[in-house]
Amino acid sequence: MKEYYAGLDVGGTSGRLKICDLSGKVLGEFTAPGCSFNTDGAVKSRLRYRDLVLPALLKQNLAPGSCRGICVAASGIDSPSDEQECRSIFEEMGFLPDYLMVVNDCE
């Protein structure tokens, strides 16, 4: 499976995902409704993240486990426990923990 990098920016209104190959060439850019982790909760956030990421990967014929780096910048990641819960959502999708960074979208 082809390796790639991904960047995800999820705010309260919209979510954006950009996928690049290992040389930095953009393979695709995708948008979907957003959410805020701390106000919408983990269940809604899980659905919104999955609804943005998984169809985009399918469209590009990419697998989460082939990602060599993904940064998730998400609204409402305000504590270490929020970060860990958000990380678990992406790990459930198949992203490898060593290649996953989760930060507040203000960063």
Protein backbone atom coordinates (compact mmCIF):
# COMPACT_ATOMS: atom_id res chain seq x y z
CA MET A 1 0.00 0.00 0.00
CA LYS A 2 1.23 3.51 -0.84
CA GLU A 3 2.73 5.51 2.04
CA TYR A 4 1.62 9.10 2.68
CA TYR A 5 1.38 12.00 5.15
CA ALA A 6 -1.86 13.62 6.31
CA GLY A 7 -2.88 16.81 8.05
CA LEU A 8 -6.27 17.25 9.63
CA ASP A 9 -7.70 20.57 10.87
CA VAL A 10 -11.05 20.21 12.59
CA GLY A 11 -12.77 23.29 13.97
CA GLY A 12 -16.24 23.71 15.37
CA THR A 13 -17.67 24.51 11.92
CA SER A 14 -15.66 22.51 9.39
CA GLY A 15 -12.98 19.89 9.02
CA ARG A 16 -10.24 19.81 6.41
CA LEU A 17 -7.90 17.00 5.44
CA LYS A 18 -4.87 17.19 3.17
CA ILE A 19 -3.02 14.08 2.02
CA CYS A 20 0.48 14.20 0.48
CA ASP A 21 2.85 11.59 -0.85
CA LEU A 22 6.26 11.20 0.77
CA SER A 23 7.78 13.82 -1.54
CA GLY A 24 5.17 16.40 -0.47
CA LYS A 25 2.99 16.26 -3.60
CA VAL A 26 -0.65 16.87 -2.65
CA LEU A 27 -2.74 13.79 -3.43
CA GLY A 28 -6.04 15.24 -2.28
CA GLU A 29 -7.83 17.80 -0.15
CA PHE A 30 -11.15 17.03 1.52
CA THR A 31 -13.70 18.86 3.68
CA ALA A 32 -16.57 17.82 5.92
CA PRO A 33 -18.57 19.22 8.86
CA GLY A 34 -16.48 19.93 11.94
CA CYS A 35 -16.98 19.56 15.68
CA SER A 36 -15.42 20.58 18.96
CA PHE A 37 -14.13 17.70 21.02
CA ASN A 38 -14.88 19.22 24.42
CA THR A 39 -18.40 20.53 23.64
CA ASP A 40 -19.67 17.94 21.13
CA GLY A 41 -18.09 15.00 22.96
CA ALA A 42 -16.10 11.97 21.92
CA VAL A 43 -18.99 10.10 20.29
CA LYS A 44 -19.91 12.88 17.85
CA SER A 45 -16.25 13.70 17.26
CA ARG A 46 -15.51 10.05 16.45
CA LEU A 47 -18.27 10.07 13.82
CA ARG A 48 -17.14 13.37 12.30
CA TYR A 49 -13.47 12.32 12.15
CA ARG A 50 -14.36 8.98 10.57
CA ASP A 51 -16.77 10.63 8.08
CA LEU A 52 -13.96 12.91 6.89
CA VAL A 53 -10.97 10.58 6.97
CA LEU A 54 -12.14 7.14 5.91
CA PRO A 55 -13.95 8.12 2.65
CA ALA A 56 -10.97 10.30 1.66
CA LEU A 57 -8.55 7.41 2.18
CA LEU A 58 -10.83 5.07 0.26
CA LYS A 59 -11.02 7.54 -2.63
CA GLN A 60 -7.20 7.66 -2.72
CA ASN A 61 -6.86 3.87 -2.23
CA LEU A 62 -4.87 4.44 0.97
CA ALA A 63 -4.88 2.60 4.30
CA PRO A 64 -4.53 4.19 7.75
CA GLY A 65 -1.65 1.85 8.58
CA SER A 66 0.36 3.14 5.61
CA CYS A 67 0.36 6.71 6.92
CA ARG A 68 3.90 7.79 7.89
CA GLY A 69 2.74 10.88 9.76
CA ILE A 70 -0.61 12.44 10.60
CA CYS A 71 -1.17 15.61 12.59
CA VAL A 72 -4.66 16.04 13.98
CA ALA A 73 -5.30 19.67 14.99
CA ALA A 74 -8.74 19.59 16.58
CA SER A 75 -10.92 22.08 18.38
CA GLY A 76 -11.50 21.18 22.02
CA ILE A 77 -8.33 19.22 22.66
CA ASP A 78 -7.70 21.06 25.91
CA SER A 79 -6.16 18.47 28.24
CA PRO A 80 -3.99 15.36 28.18
CA SER A 81 -7.10 13.20 28.63
CA ASP A 82 -8.76 14.88 25.59
CA GLU A 83 -5.61 14.23 23.60
CA GLN A 84 -5.49 10.58 24.63
CA GLU A 85 -9.17 10.02 23.84
CA CYS A 86 -8.75 11.66 20.42
CA ARG A 87 -5.63 9.57 19.75
CA SER A 88 -7.63 6.43 20.51
CA ILE A 89 -10.16 7.35 17.81
CA PHE A 90 -7.43 7.49 15.18
CA GLU A 91 -5.75 4.35 16.49
CA GLU A 92 -9.14 2.57 16.20
CA MET A 93 -9.20 3.62 12.53
CA GLY A 94 -5.82 1.93 12.10
CA PHE A 95 -3.34 4.83 12.32
CA LEU A 96 -0.11 3.80 14.02
CA PRO A 97 0.54 5.51 17.39
CA ASP A 98 4.16 6.37 16.56
CA TYR A 99 3.04 8.38 13.50
CA LEU A 100 0.14 10.22 15.17
CA MET A 101 0.25 13.73 16.65
CA VAL A 102 -2.84 15.30 18.28
CA VAL A 103 -2.95 18.99 19.22
CA ASN A 104 -5.49 21.74 19.78
CA ASP A 105 -6.36 23.46 16.50
CA CYS A 106 -4.98 26.75 17.88
CA GLU A 107 -1.48 25.23 17.69
